[in-house]
């Protein structure tokens, strides 16, 4: 969806809504539990959310959501702890 959005200059949500409207089956990639452990390890080494996401083949928002679910404190874009 991200690639389609970028290709056609529309938001991911618009792509998703259009695909759903036309009955296109969706796949959920997400992260397996061991991948989440890997993401936490890499993030704690100082990797950015974007870098961890690229490494694992998912969007940075997926990584952020999984870190939050596990209670891992996150940093802002400048490396400071988030409030």
PDB file of N, CA and C in Angstrom:
ATOM      1  N   UNK A   1       0.819  -1.189   0.000  1.00  0.00           N
ATOM      2  CA  UNK A   1       0.000   0.000   0.000  1.00  0.00           C
ATOM      3  C   UNK A   1       0.863   1.254   0.000  1.00  0.00           C
ATOM      4  N   UNK A   2       1.963   1.216   0.749  1.00  0.00           N
ATOM      5  CA  UNK A   2       2.851   2.378   0.769  1.00  0.00           C
ATOM      6  C   UNK A   2       3.453   2.614  -0.618  1.00  0.00           C
ATOM      7  N   UNK A   3       3.854   1.534  -1.278  1.00  0.00           N
ATOM      8  CA  UNK A   3       4.441   1.667  -2.607  1.00  0.00           C
ATOM      9  C   UNK A   3       3.415   2.167  -3.619  1.00  0.00           C
ATOM     10  N   UNK A   4       2.204   1.657  -3.552  1.00  0.00           N
ATOM     11  CA  UNK A   4       1.155   2.130  -4.458  1.00  0.00           C
ATOM     12  C   UNK A   4       0.841   3.598  -4.213  1.00  0.00           C
ATOM     13  N   UNK A   5       0.766   3.968  -2.945  1.00  0.00           N
ATOM     14  CA  UNK A   5       0.511   5.359  -2.617  1.00  0.00           C
ATOM     15  C   UNK A   5       1.581   6.274  -3.175  1.00  0.00           C
ATOM     16  N   UNK A   6       2.833   5.871  -3.009  1.00  0.00           N
ATOM     17  CA  UNK A   6       3.941   6.681  -3.520  1.00  0.00           C
ATOM     18  C   UNK A   6       3.909   6.741  -5.047  1.00  0.00           C
ATOM     19  N   UNK A   7       3.620   5.620  -5.674  1.00  0.00           N
ATOM     20  CA  UNK A   7       3.599   5.569  -7.141  1.00  0.00           C
ATOM     21  C   UNK A   7       2.529   6.465  -7.740  1.00  0.00           C
ATOM     22  N   UNK A   8       1.352   6.487  -7.107  1.00  0.00           N
ATOM     23  CA  UNK A   8       0.236   7.246  -7.660  1.00  0.00           C
ATOM     24  C   UNK A   8       0.010   8.591  -6.968  1.00  0.00           C
ATOM     25  N   UNK A   9       0.861   8.908  -5.993  1.00  0.00           N
ATOM     26  CA  UNK A   9       0.766  10.202  -5.332  1.00  0.00           C
ATOM     27  C   UNK A   9      -0.464  10.344  -4.454  1.00  0.00           C
ATOM     28  N   UNK A  10      -0.856   9.237  -3.823  1.00  0.00           N
ATOM     29  CA  UNK A  10      -2.015   9.259  -2.916  1.00  0.00           C
ATOM     30  C   UNK A  10      -1.610   8.656  -1.577  1.00  0.00           C
ATOM     31  N   UNK A  11      -2.435   8.877  -0.567  1.00  0.00           N
ATOM     32  CA  UNK A  11      -2.121   8.346   0.760  1.00  0.00           C
ATOM     33  C   UNK A  11      -2.400   6.853   0.847  1.00  0.00           C
ATOM     34  N   UNK A  12      -1.665   6.203   1.740  1.00  0.00           N
ATOM     35  CA  UNK A  12      -1.836   4.769   1.969  1.00  0.00           C
ATOM     36  C   UNK A  12      -3.276   4.442   2.317  1.00  0.00           C
ATOM     37  N   UNK A  13      -3.923   5.306   3.095  1.00  0.00           N
ATOM     38  CA  UNK A  13      -5.313   5.047   3.495  1.00  0.00           C
ATOM     39  C   UNK A  13      -6.245   5.062   2.297  1.00  0.00           C
ATOM     40  N   UNK A  14      -5.964   5.910   1.323  1.00  0.00           N
ATOM     41  CA  UNK A  14      -6.769   5.949   0.104  1.00  0.00           C
ATOM     42  C   UNK A  14      -6.590   4.654  -0.679  1.00  0.00           C
ATOM     43  N   UNK A  15      -5.366   4.175  -0.772  1.00  0.00           N
ATOM     44  CA  UNK A  15      -5.095   2.900  -1.427  1.00  0.00           C
ATOM     45  C   UNK A  15      -5.859   1.791  -0.726  1.00  0.00           C
ATOM     46  N   UNK A  16      -5.765   1.753   0.597  1.00  0.00           N
ATOM     47  CA  UNK A  16      -6.441   0.726   1.382  1.00  0.00           C
ATOM     48  C   UNK A  16      -7.949   0.760   1.170  1.00  0.00           C
ATOM     49  N   UNK A  17      -8.537   1.942   1.229  1.00  0.00           N
ATOM     50  CA  UNK A  17      -9.985   2.070   1.051  1.00  0.00           C
ATOM     51  C   UNK A  17     -10.412   1.601  -0.335  1.00  0.00           C
ATOM     52  N   UNK A  18      -9.632   1.962  -1.352  1.00  0.00           N
ATOM     53  CA  UNK A  18      -9.955   1.564  -2.726  1.00  0.00           C
ATOM     54  C   UNK A  18      -9.858   0.054  -2.883  1.00  0.00           C
ATOM     55  N   UNK A  19      -8.820  -0.541  -2.356  1.00  0.00           N
ATOM     56  CA  UNK A  19      -8.669  -1.997  -2.450  1.00  0.00           C
ATOM     57  C   UNK A  19      -9.791  -2.717  -1.706  1.00  0.00           C
ATOM     58  N   UNK A  20     -10.141  -2.246  -0.519  1.00  0.00           N
ATOM     59  CA  UNK A  20     -11.240  -2.852   0.247  1.00  0.00           C
ATOM     60  C   UNK A  20     -12.553  -2.725  -0.509  1.00  0.00           C
ATOM     61  N   UNK A  21     -12.788  -1.565  -1.082  1.00  0.00           N
ATOM     62  CA  UNK A  21     -14.033  -1.314  -1.820  1.00  0.00           C
ATOM     63  C   UNK A  21     -14.188  -2.288  -2.991  1.00  0.00           C
ATOM     64  N   UNK A  22     -13.067  -2.711  -3.567  1.00  0.00           N
ATOM     65  CA  UNK A  22     -13.100  -3.621  -4.702  1.00  0.00           C
ATOM     66  C   UNK A  22     -12.883  -5.081  -4.297  1.00  0.00           C
ATOM     67  N   UNK A  23     -12.897  -5.348  -3.003  1.00  0.00           N
ATOM     68  CA  UNK A  23     -12.822  -6.721  -2.516  1.00  0.00           C
ATOM     69  C   UNK A  23     -11.472  -7.393  -2.670  1.00  0.00           C
ATOM     70  N   UNK A  24     -10.406  -6.620  -2.757  1.00  0.00           N
ATOM     71  CA  UNK A  24      -9.066  -7.189  -2.889  1.00  0.00           C
ATOM     72  C   UNK A  24      -8.637  -7.719  -1.525  1.00  0.00           C
ATOM     73  N   UNK A  25      -8.286  -9.018  -1.452  1.00  0.00           N
ATOM     74  CA  UNK A  25      -7.859  -9.567  -0.156  1.00  0.00           C
ATOM     75  C   UNK A  25      -6.546  -8.938   0.301  1.00  0.00           C
ATOM     76  N   UNK A  26      -6.475  -8.673   1.589  1.00  0.00           N
ATOM     77  CA  UNK A  26      -5.293  -8.040   2.172  1.00  0.00           C
ATOM     78  C   UNK A  26      -4.479  -9.081   2.931  1.00  0.00           C
ATOM     79  N   UNK A  27      -3.201  -8.858   2.942  1.00  0.00           N
ATOM     80  CA  UNK A  27      -2.340  -9.704   3.767  1.00  0.00           C
ATOM     81  C   UNK A  27      -1.792  -8.836   4.886  1.00  0.00           C
ATOM     82  N   UNK A  28      -1.650  -9.418   6.019  1.00  0.00           N
ATOM     83  CA  UNK A  28      -1.075  -8.716   7.169  1.00  0.00           C
ATOM     84  C   UNK A  28       0.309  -9.287   7.379  1.00  0.00           C
ATOM     85  N   UNK A  29       1.306  -8.423   7.246  1.00  0.00           N
ATOM     86  CA  UNK A  29       2.674  -8.906   7.417  1.00  0.00           C
ATOM     87  C   UNK A  29       3.079  -8.828   8.871  1.00  0.00           C
ATOM     88  N   UNK A  30       3.024  -7.663   9.434  1.00  0.00           N
ATOM     89  CA  UNK A  30       3.372  -7.524  10.843  1.00  0.00           C
ATOM     90  C   UNK A  30       4.735  -8.094  11.172  1.00  0.00           C
ATOM     91  N   UNK A  31       4.944  -8.369  12.432  1.00  0.00           N
ATOM     92  CA  UNK A  31       6.208  -8.928  12.909  1.00  0.00           C
ATOM     93  C   UNK A  31       5.942 -10.140  13.787  1.00  0.00           C
ATOM     94  N   UNK A  32       6.728 -11.176  13.586  1.00  0.00           N
ATOM     95  CA  UNK A  32       6.675 -12.353  14.446  1.00  0.00           C
ATOM     96  C   UNK A  32       7.319 -11.993  15.784  1.00  0.00           C
ATOM     97  N   UNK A  33       6.980 -12.720  16.850  1.00  0.00           N
ATOM     98  CA  UNK A  33       7.547 -12.411  18.172  1.00  0.00           C
ATOM     99  C   UNK A  33       9.076 -12.327  18.185  1.00  0.00           C
ATOM    100  N   UNK A  34       9.753 -13.221  17.457  1.00  0.00           N
ATOM    101  CA  UNK A  34      11.220 -13.169  17.449  1.00  0.00           C
ATOM    102  C   UNK A  34      11.721 -11.943  16.682  1.00  0.00           C
ATOM    103  N   UNK A  35      10.954 -11.479  15.696  1.00  0.00           N
ATOM    104  CA  UNK A  35      11.328 -10.255  14.992  1.00  0.00           C
ATOM    105  C   UNK A  35      11.161  -9.036  15.903  1.00  0.00           C
ATOM    106  N   UNK A  36      10.157  -9.072  16.763  1.00  0.00           N
ATOM    107  CA  UNK A  36       9.965  -7.974  17.710  1.00  0.00           C
ATOM    108  C   UNK A  36      11.139  -7.925  18.676  1.00  0.00           C
ATOM    109  N   UNK A  37      11.578  -9.106  19.124  1.00  0.00           N
ATOM    110  CA  UNK A  37      12.756  -9.159  19.996  1.00  0.00           C
ATOM    111  C   UNK A  37      13.973  -8.567  19.287  1.00  0.00           C
ATOM    112  N   UNK A  38      14.134  -8.901  18.012  1.00  0.00           N
ATOM    113  CA  UNK A  38      15.237  -8.366  17.210  1.00  0.00           C
ATOM    114  C   UNK A  38      15.109  -6.857  17.075  1.00  0.00           C
ATOM    115  N   UNK A  39      13.888  -6.371  16.820  1.00  0.00           N
ATOM    116  CA  UNK A  39      13.648  -4.930  16.682  1.00  0.00           C
ATOM    117  C   UNK A  39      14.025  -4.198  17.972  1.00  0.00           C
ATOM    118  N   UNK A  40      13.640  -4.754  19.105  1.00  0.00           N
ATOM    119  CA  UNK A  40      13.972  -4.145  20.397  1.00  0.00           C
ATOM    120  C   UNK A  40      15.488  -4.086  20.583  1.00  0.00           C
ATOM    121  N   UNK A  41      16.145  -5.172  20.266  1.00  0.00           N
ATOM    122  CA  UNK A  41      17.601  -5.224  20.405  1.00  0.00           C
ATOM    123  C   UNK A  41      18.268  -4.150  19.533  1.00  0.00           C
ATOM    124  N   UNK A  42      17.877  -4.087  18.265  1.00  0.00           N
ATOM    125  CA  UNK A  42      18.478  -3.117  17.349  1.00  0.00           C
ATOM    126  C   UNK A  42      18.163  -1.688  17.767  1.00  0.00           C
ATOM    127  N   UNK A  43      16.930  -1.454  18.189  1.00  0.00           N
ATOM    128  CA  UNK A  43      16.533  -0.115  18.635  1.00  0.00           C
ATOM    129  C   UNK A  43      17.348   0.299  19.853  1.00  0.00           C
ATOM    130  N   UNK A  44      17.541  -0.635  20.778  1.00  0.00           N
ATOM    131  CA  UNK A  44      18.337  -0.335  21.975  1.00  0.00           C
ATOM    132  C   UNK A  44      19.815  -0.122  21.655  1.00  0.00           C
ATOM    133  N   UNK A  45      20.270  -0.619  20.493  1.00  0.00           N
ATOM    134  CA  UNK A  45      21.637  -0.363  20.043  1.00  0.00           C
ATOM    135  C   UNK A  45      21.780   1.035  19.440  1.00  0.00           C
ATOM    136  N   UNK A  46      20.626   1.711  19.274  1.00  0.00           N
ATOM    137  CA  UNK A  46      20.670   3.064  18.736  1.00  0.00           C
ATOM    138  C   UNK A  46      20.133   3.205  17.324  1.00  0.00           C
ATOM    139  N   UNK A  47      19.678   2.096  16.729  1.00  0.00           N
ATOM    140  CA  UNK A  47      19.114   2.176  15.389  1.00  0.00           C
ATOM    141  C   UNK A  47      17.834   3.005  15.434  1.00  0.00           C
ATOM    142  N   UNK A  48      17.547   3.727  14.362  1.00  0.00           N
ATOM    143  CA  UNK A  48      16.296   4.474  14.262  1.00  0.00           C
ATOM    144  C   UNK A  48      15.147   3.520  13.952  1.00  0.00           C
ATOM    145  N   UNK A  49      13.925   3.992  14.188  1.00  0.00           N
ATOM    146  CA  UNK A  49      12.756   3.194  13.839  1.00  0.00           C
ATOM    147  C   UNK A  49      12.739   2.892  12.339  1.00  0.00           C
ATOM    148  N   UNK A  50      13.115   3.890  11.535  1.00  0.00           N
ATOM    149  CA  UNK A  50      13.131   3.698  10.077  1.00  0.00           C
ATOM    150  C   UNK A  50      14.142   2.621   9.679  1.00  0.00           C
ATOM    151  N   UNK A  51      15.308   2.661  10.280  1.00  0.00           N
ATOM    152  CA  UNK A  51      16.346   1.678   9.946  1.00  0.00           C
ATOM    153  C   UNK A  51      15.929   0.276  10.376  1.00  0.00           C
ATOM    154  N   UNK A  52      15.356   0.161  11.562  1.00  0.00           N
ATOM    155  CA  UNK A  52      14.879  -1.142  12.027  1.00  0.00           C
ATOM    156  C   UNK A  52      13.786  -1.646  11.088  1.00  0.00           C
ATOM    157  N   UNK A  53      12.862  -0.756  10.710  1.00  0.00           N
ATOM    158  CA  UNK A  53      11.790  -1.147   9.802  1.00  0.00           C
ATOM    159  C   UNK A  53      12.321  -1.635   8.464  1.00  0.00           C
ATOM    160  N   UNK A  54      13.277  -0.913   7.883  1.00  0.00           N
ATOM    161  CA  UNK A  54      13.875  -1.345   6.611  1.00  0.00           C
ATOM    162  C   UNK A  54      14.529  -2.711   6.760  1.00  0.00           C
ATOM    163  N   UNK A  55      15.235  -2.898   7.870  1.00  0.00           N
ATOM    164  CA  UNK A  55      15.923  -4.175   8.121  1.00  0.00           C
ATOM    165  C   UNK A  55      14.925  -5.338   8.188  1.00  0.00           C
ATOM    166  N   UNK A  56      13.769  -5.084   8.789  1.00  0.00           N
ATOM    167  CA  UNK A  56      12.776  -6.145   8.980  1.00  0.00           C
ATOM    168  C   UNK A  56      11.711  -6.185   7.885  1.00  0.00           C
ATOM    169  N   UNK A  57      11.762  -5.232   6.960  1.00  0.00           N
ATOM    170  CA  UNK A  57      10.813  -5.231   5.847  1.00  0.00           C
ATOM    171  C   UNK A  57       9.432  -4.729   6.192  1.00  0.00           C
ATOM    172  N   UNK A  58       9.346  -3.845   7.200  1.00  0.00           N
ATOM    173  CA  UNK A  58       8.061  -3.258   7.591  1.00  0.00           C
ATOM    174  C   UNK A  58       8.229  -1.755   7.734  1.00  0.00           C
ATOM    175  N   UNK A  59       7.122  -1.049   7.850  1.00  0.00           N
ATOM    176  CA  UNK A  59       7.165   0.393   8.037  1.00  0.00           C
ATOM    177  C   UNK A  59       7.612   0.730   9.459  1.00  0.00           C
ATOM    178  N   UNK A  60       8.191   1.904   9.610  1.00  0.00           N
ATOM    179  CA  UNK A  60       8.654   2.338  10.935  1.00  0.00           C
ATOM    180  C   UNK A  60       7.505   2.443  11.936  1.00  0.00           C
ATOM    181  N   UNK A  61       6.292   2.748  11.457  1.00  0.00           N
ATOM    182  CA  UNK A  61       5.151   2.838  12.379  1.00  0.00           C
ATOM    183  C   UNK A  61       4.797   1.473  12.966  1.00  0.00           C
ATOM    184  N   UNK A  62       5.046   0.412  12.196  1.00  0.00           N
ATOM    185  CA  UNK A  62       4.829  -0.948  12.711  1.00  0.00           C
ATOM    186  C   UNK A  62       5.808  -1.230  13.836  1.00  0.00           C
ATOM    187  N   UNK A  63       7.063  -0.848  13.628  1.00  0.00           N
ATOM    188  CA  UNK A  63       8.090  -1.040  14.659  1.00  0.00           C
ATOM    189  C   UNK A  63       7.708  -0.246  15.903  1.00  0.00           C
ATOM    190  N   UNK A  64       7.330   1.007  15.721  1.00  0.00           N
ATOM    191  CA  UNK A  64       6.947   1.855  16.859  1.00  0.00           C
ATOM    192  C   UNK A  64       5.790   1.230  17.646  1.00  0.00           C
ATOM    193  N   UNK A  65       4.786   0.748  16.945  1.00  0.00           N
ATOM    194  CA  UNK A  65       3.628   0.138  17.614  1.00  0.00           C
ATOM    195  C   UNK A  65       4.042  -1.082  18.435  1.00  0.00           C
ATOM    196  N   UNK A  66       4.913  -1.911  17.877  1.00  0.00           N
ATOM    197  CA  UNK A  66       5.346  -3.111  18.598  1.00  0.00           C
ATOM    198  C   UNK A  66       6.211  -2.764  19.808  1.00  0.00           C
ATOM    199  N   UNK A  67       7.065  -1.746  19.669  1.00  0.00           N
ATOM    200  CA  UNK A  67       7.863  -1.324  20.821  1.00  0.00           C
ATOM    201  C   UNK A  67       6.956  -0.816  21.930  1.00  0.00           C
ATOM    202  N   UNK A  68       5.972  -0.021  21.558  1.00  0.00           N
ATOM    203  CA  UNK A  68       5.030   0.498  22.561  1.00  0.00           C
ATOM    204  C   UNK A  68       4.249  -0.626  23.234  1.00  0.00           C
ATOM    205  N   UNK A  69       3.838  -1.628  22.450  1.00  0.00           N
ATOM    206  CA  UNK A  69       3.110  -2.773  23.027  1.00  0.00           C
ATOM    207  C   UNK A  69       3.963  -3.500  24.063  1.00  0.00           C
ATOM    208  N   UNK A  70       5.244  -3.530  23.843  1.00  0.00           N
ATOM    209  CA  UNK A  70       6.159  -4.196  24.770  1.00  0.00           C
ATOM    210  C   UNK A  70       6.629  -3.273  25.888  1.00  0.00           C
ATOM    211  N   UNK A  71       6.178  -2.005  25.875  1.00  0.00           N
ATOM    212  CA  UNK A  71       6.552  -1.073  26.928  1.00  0.00           C
ATOM    213  C   UNK A  71       7.967  -0.521  26.813  1.00  0.00           C
ATOM    214  N   UNK A  72       8.521  -0.535  25.606  1.00  0.00           N
ATOM    215  CA  UNK A  72       9.877  -0.042  25.391  1.00  0.00           C
ATOM    216  C   UNK A  72       9.836   1.479  25.235  1.00  0.00           C
ATOM    217  N   UNK A  73      10.592   2.219  26.036  1.00  0.00           N
ATOM    218  CA  UNK A  73      10.634   3.672  25.871  1.00  0.00           C
ATOM    219  C   UNK A  73      11.230   4.027  24.506  1.00  0.00           C
ATOM    220  N   UNK A  74      10.633   4.998  23.831  1.00  0.00           N
ATOM    221  CA  UNK A  74      11.107   5.376  22.503  1.00  0.00           C
ATOM    222  C   UNK A  74      11.696   6.782  22.515  1.00  0.00           C
ATOM    223  N   UNK A  75      12.441   7.084  21.433  1.00  0.00           N
ATOM    224  CA  UNK A  75      13.094   8.373  21.280  1.00  0.00           C
ATOM    225  C   UNK A  75      12.400   9.170  20.181  1.00  0.00           C
ATOM    226  N   UNK A  76      12.552  10.500  20.244  1.00  0.00           N
ATOM    227  CA  UNK A  76      12.056  11.321  19.146  1.00  0.00           C
ATOM    228  C   UNK A  76      13.123  11.340  18.042  1.00  0.00           C
ATOM    229  N   UNK A  77      12.887  12.111  16.997  1.00  0.00           N
ATOM    230  CA  UNK A  77      13.803  12.149  15.854  1.00  0.00           C
ATOM    231  C   UNK A  77      15.180  12.689  16.220  1.00  0.00           C
ATOM    232  N   UNK A  78      15.285  13.340  17.351  1.00  0.00           N
ATOM    233  CA  UNK A  78      16.566  13.892  17.791  1.00  0.00           C
ATOM    234  C   UNK A  78      17.252  13.013  18.828  1.00  0.00           C
ATOM    235  N   UNK A  79      16.695  11.859  19.095  1.00  0.00           N
ATOM    236  CA  UNK A  79      17.300  10.921  20.036  1.00  0.00           C
ATOM    237  C   UNK A  79      16.923  11.154  21.488  1.00  0.00           C
ATOM    238  N   UNK A  80      16.017  12.096  21.728  1.00  0.00           N
ATOM    239  CA  UNK A  80      15.575  12.379  23.099  1.00  0.00           C
ATOM    240  C   UNK A  80      14.408  11.460  23.483  1.00  0.00           C
ATOM    241  N   UNK A  81      14.312  11.084  24.739  1.00  0.00           N
ATOM    242  CA  UNK A  81      13.169  10.262  25.171  1.00  0.00           C
ATOM    243  C   UNK A  81      11.853  10.980  24.882  1.00  0.00           C
ATOM    244  N   UNK A  82      10.876  10.210  24.424  1.00  0.00           N
ATOM    245  CA  UNK A  82       9.549  10.786  24.184  1.00  0.00           C
ATOM    246  C   UNK A  82       8.841  10.994  25.515  1.00  0.00           C
ATOM    247  N   UNK A  83       8.021  12.032  25.541  1.00  0.00           N
ATOM    248  CA  UNK A  83       7.272  12.343  26.772  1.00  0.00           C
ATOM    249  C   UNK A  83       6.141  11.371  26.977  1.00  0.00           C
TER     250      UNK A  83
END
